[in-house]
Amino acid sequence: MVNPDFATMSRAELRAFVVMNPQNHLAFQAFVDLATATASPETY
């Protein structure tokens, strides 16, 4: 199994990949890293 380059995927593309491949832990970690990096620093 060859993993695509998660660093070049948009957030929407990465989310779609994770939804279609829930067993891919590398994709999930890349999605969490991206979501954390782009999240608002404000907490409500």
PDB file of N, CA and C in Angstrom:
ATOM      1  N   MET A   1       0.838  -1.176   0.000  1.00  0.00           N
ATOM      2  CA  MET A   1       0.000   0.000   0.000  1.00  0.00           C
ATOM      3  C   MET A   1       0.881   1.237   0.000  1.00  0.00           C
ATOM      4  N   VAL A   2       0.648   2.116  -0.943  1.00  0.00           N
ATOM      5  CA  VAL A   2       1.419   3.344  -1.057  1.00  0.00           C
ATOM      6  C   VAL A   2       0.576   4.497  -0.531  1.00  0.00           C
ATOM      7  N   ASN A   3       1.132   5.245   0.400  1.00  0.00           N
ATOM      8  CA  ASN A   3       0.436   6.400   0.949  1.00  0.00           C
ATOM      9  C   ASN A   3       0.690   7.612   0.068  1.00  0.00           C
ATOM     10  N   PRO A   4      -0.356   8.398  -0.209  1.00  0.00           N
ATOM     11  CA  PRO A   4      -0.139   9.644  -0.938  1.00  0.00           C
ATOM     12  C   PRO A   4       0.614  10.638  -0.057  1.00  0.00           C
ATOM     13  N   ASP A   5       1.047  11.722  -0.652  1.00  0.00           N
ATOM     14  CA  ASP A   5       1.768  12.753   0.096  1.00  0.00           C
ATOM     15  C   ASP A   5       0.743  13.604   0.836  1.00  0.00           C
ATOM     16  N   PHE A   6       0.553  13.319   2.114  1.00  0.00           N
ATOM     17  CA  PHE A   6      -0.460  14.008   2.905  1.00  0.00           C
ATOM     18  C   PHE A   6      -0.143  15.487   3.068  1.00  0.00           C
ATOM     19  N   ALA A   7       1.110  15.855   3.021  1.00  0.00           N
ATOM     20  CA  ALA A   7       1.512  17.248   3.215  1.00  0.00           C
ATOM     21  C   ALA A   7       1.018  18.145   2.084  1.00  0.00           C
ATOM     22  N   THR A   8       0.757  17.586   0.923  1.00  0.00           N
ATOM     23  CA  THR A   8       0.308  18.388  -0.219  1.00  0.00           C
ATOM     24  C   THR A   8      -1.214  18.399  -0.361  1.00  0.00           C
ATOM     25  N   MET A   9      -1.914  17.640   0.463  1.00  0.00           N
ATOM     26  CA  MET A   9      -3.369  17.576   0.375  1.00  0.00           C
ATOM     27  C   MET A   9      -4.013  18.733   1.137  1.00  0.00           C
ATOM     28  N   SER A  10      -5.160  19.180   0.638  1.00  0.00           N
ATOM     29  CA  SER A  10      -5.922  20.188   1.370  1.00  0.00           C
ATOM     30  C   SER A  10      -6.604  19.501   2.553  1.00  0.00           C
ATOM     31  N   ARG A  11      -7.130  20.319   3.453  1.00  0.00           N
ATOM     32  CA  ARG A  11      -7.817  19.768   4.622  1.00  0.00           C
ATOM     33  C   ARG A  11      -9.020  18.913   4.191  1.00  0.00           C
ATOM     34  N   ALA A  12      -9.759  19.388   3.195  1.00  0.00           N
ATOM     35  CA  ALA A  12     -10.931  18.653   2.701  1.00  0.00           C
ATOM     36  C   ALA A  12     -10.524  17.329   2.049  1.00  0.00           C
ATOM     37  N   GLU A  13      -9.457  17.356   1.265  1.00  0.00           N
ATOM     38  CA  GLU A  13      -8.974  16.130   0.618  1.00  0.00           C
ATOM     39  C   GLU A  13      -8.493  15.122   1.660  1.00  0.00           C
ATOM     40  N   LEU A  14      -7.781  15.615   2.643  1.00  0.00           N
ATOM     41  CA  LEU A  14      -7.254  14.739   3.684  1.00  0.00           C
ATOM     42  C   LEU A  14      -8.379  14.142   4.513  1.00  0.00           C
ATOM     43  N   ARG A  15      -9.384  14.966   4.834  1.00  0.00           N
ATOM     44  CA  ARG A  15     -10.542  14.459   5.580  1.00  0.00           C
ATOM     45  C   ARG A  15     -11.255  13.371   4.788  1.00  0.00           C
ATOM     46  N   ALA A  16     -11.463  13.591   3.497  1.00  0.00           N
ATOM     47  CA  ALA A  16     -12.117  12.593   2.649  1.00  0.00           C
ATOM     48  C   ALA A  16     -11.306  11.294   2.613  1.00  0.00           C
ATOM     49  N   PHE A  17      -9.983  11.423   2.554  1.00  0.00           N
ATOM     50  CA  PHE A  17      -9.125  10.235   2.538  1.00  0.00           C
ATOM     51  C   PHE A  17      -9.249   9.467   3.848  1.00  0.00           C
ATOM     52  N   VAL A  18      -9.272  10.187   4.962  1.00  0.00           N
ATOM     53  CA  VAL A  18      -9.387   9.541   6.278  1.00  0.00           C
ATOM     54  C   VAL A  18     -10.741   8.837   6.410  1.00  0.00           C
ATOM     55  N   VAL A  19     -11.797   9.472   5.928  1.00  0.00           N
ATOM     56  CA  VAL A  19     -13.127   8.865   5.999  1.00  0.00           C
ATOM     57  C   VAL A  19     -13.168   7.579   5.179  1.00  0.00           C
ATOM     58  N   MET A  20     -12.537   7.591   4.014  1.00  0.00           N
ATOM     59  CA  MET A  20     -12.543   6.403   3.146  1.00  0.00           C
ATOM     60  C   MET A  20     -11.536   5.338   3.587  1.00  0.00           C
ATOM     61  N   ASN A  21     -10.545   5.724   4.396  1.00  0.00           N
ATOM     62  CA  ASN A  21      -9.493   4.801   4.837  1.00  0.00           C
ATOM     63  C   ASN A  21      -9.291   4.915   6.346  1.00  0.00           C
ATOM     64  N   PRO A  22     -10.281   4.529   7.150  1.00  0.00           N
ATOM     65  CA  PRO A  22     -10.182   4.728   8.604  1.00  0.00           C
ATOM     66  C   PRO A  22      -9.056   3.928   9.264  1.00  0.00           C
ATOM     67  N   GLN A  23      -8.554   2.923   8.609  1.00  0.00           N
ATOM     68  CA  GLN A  23      -7.483   2.110   9.186  1.00  0.00           C
ATOM     69  C   GLN A  23      -6.103   2.734   8.965  1.00  0.00           C
ATOM     70  N   ASN A  24      -6.021   3.799   8.175  1.00  0.00           N
ATOM     71  CA  ASN A  24      -4.740   4.424   7.866  1.00  0.00           C
ATOM     72  C   ASN A  24      -4.394   5.429   8.963  1.00  0.00           C
ATOM     73  N   HIS A  25      -3.557   5.004   9.884  1.00  0.00           N
ATOM     74  CA  HIS A  25      -3.200   5.829  11.034  1.00  0.00           C
ATOM     75  C   HIS A  25      -2.306   7.009  10.646  1.00  0.00           C
ATOM     76  N   LEU A  26      -1.501   6.848   9.612  1.00  0.00           N
ATOM     77  CA  LEU A  26      -0.656   7.955   9.165  1.00  0.00           C
ATOM     78  C   LEU A  26      -1.508   9.091   8.606  1.00  0.00           C
ATOM     79  N   ALA A  27      -2.547   8.746   7.872  1.00  0.00           N
ATOM     80  CA  ALA A  27      -3.447   9.763   7.326  1.00  0.00           C
ATOM     81  C   ALA A  27      -4.190  10.466   8.453  1.00  0.00           C
ATOM     82  N   PHE A  28      -4.656   9.710   9.431  1.00  0.00           N
ATOM     83  CA  PHE A  28      -5.370  10.308  10.559  1.00  0.00           C
ATOM     84  C   PHE A  28      -4.463  11.261  11.321  1.00  0.00           C
ATOM     85  N   GLN A  29      -3.223  10.860  11.565  1.00  0.00           N
ATOM     86  CA  GLN A  29      -2.288  11.720  12.290  1.00  0.00           C
ATOM     87  C   GLN A  29      -1.989  12.986  11.491  1.00  0.00           C
ATOM     88  N   ALA A  30      -1.854  12.856  10.173  1.00  0.00           N
ATOM     89  CA  ALA A  30      -1.618  14.027   9.333  1.00  0.00           C
ATOM     90  C   ALA A  30      -2.814  14.973   9.390  1.00  0.00           C
ATOM     91  N   PHE A  31      -4.031  14.414   9.410  1.00  0.00           N
ATOM     92  CA  PHE A  31      -5.232  15.240   9.504  1.00  0.00           C
ATOM     93  C   PHE A  31      -5.299  15.969  10.845  1.00  0.00           C
ATOM     94  N   VAL A  32      -5.003  15.268  11.923  1.00  0.00           N
ATOM     95  CA  VAL A  32      -5.017  15.897  13.249  1.00  0.00           C
ATOM     96  C   VAL A  32      -3.948  16.987  13.327  1.00  0.00           C
ATOM     97  N   ASP A  33      -2.774  16.721  12.806  1.00  0.00           N
ATOM     98  CA  ASP A  33      -1.701  17.718  12.810  1.00  0.00           C
ATOM     99  C   ASP A  33      -2.116  18.966  12.030  1.00  0.00           C
ATOM    100  N   LEU A  34      -2.739  18.772  10.867  1.00  0.00           N
ATOM    101  CA  LEU A  34      -3.179  19.894  10.052  1.00  0.00           C
ATOM    102  C   LEU A  34      -4.294  20.664  10.751  1.00  0.00           C
ATOM    103  N   ALA A  35      -5.250  19.961  11.322  1.00  0.00           N
ATOM    104  CA  ALA A  35      -6.357  20.612  12.012  1.00  0.00           C
ATOM    105  C   ALA A  35      -5.858  21.404  13.218  1.00  0.00           C
ATOM    106  N   THR A  36      -4.898  20.859  13.928  1.00  0.00           N
ATOM    107  CA  THR A  36      -4.337  21.541  15.094  1.00  0.00           C
ATOM    108  C   THR A  36      -3.553  22.784  14.668  1.00  0.00           C
ATOM    109  N   ALA A  37      -2.812  22.665  13.591  1.00  0.00           N
ATOM    110  CA  ALA A  37      -1.990  23.782  13.126  1.00  0.00           C
ATOM    111  C   ALA A  37      -2.836  24.933  12.594  1.00  0.00           C
ATOM    112  N   THR A  38      -4.014  24.628  12.054  1.00  0.00           N
ATOM    113  CA  THR A  38      -4.844  25.670  11.453  1.00  0.00           C
ATOM    114  C   THR A  38      -6.004  26.088  12.356  1.00  0.00           C
ATOM    115  N   ALA A  39      -6.086  25.556  13.553  1.00  0.00           N
ATOM    116  CA  ALA A  39      -7.179  25.882  14.472  1.00  0.00           C
ATOM    117  C   ALA A  39      -6.997  27.277  15.056  1.00  0.00           C
ATOM    118  N   SER A  40      -8.103  27.883  15.391  1.00  0.00           N
ATOM    119  CA  SER A  40      -8.073  29.187  16.032  1.00  0.00           C
ATOM    120  C   SER A  40      -7.484  29.044  17.434  1.00  0.00           C
ATOM    121  N   PRO A  41      -6.647  29.980  17.858  1.00  0.00           N
ATOM    122  CA  PRO A  41      -6.076  29.873  19.200  1.00  0.00           C
ATOM    123  C   PRO A  41      -7.080  30.209  20.315  1.00  0.00           C
ATOM    124  N   GLU A  42      -8.230  30.771  19.928  1.00  0.00           N
ATOM    125  CA  GLU A  42      -9.252  31.117  20.914  1.00  0.00           C
ATOM    126  C   GLU A  42     -10.044  29.882  21.323  1.00  0.00           C
ATOM    127  N   THR A  43     -10.307  29.764  22.601  1.00  0.00           N
ATOM    128  CA  THR A  43     -11.099  28.672  23.121  1.00  0.00           C
ATOM    129  C   THR A  43     -12.333  29.248  23.779  1.00  0.00           C
ATOM    130  N   TYR A  44     -13.484  28.652  23.496  1.00  0.00           N
ATOM    131  CA  TYR A  44     -14.737  29.141  24.072  1.00  0.00           C
ATOM    132  C   TYR A  44     -15.263  28.156  25.075  1.00  0.00           C
TER     133      TYR A  44
END
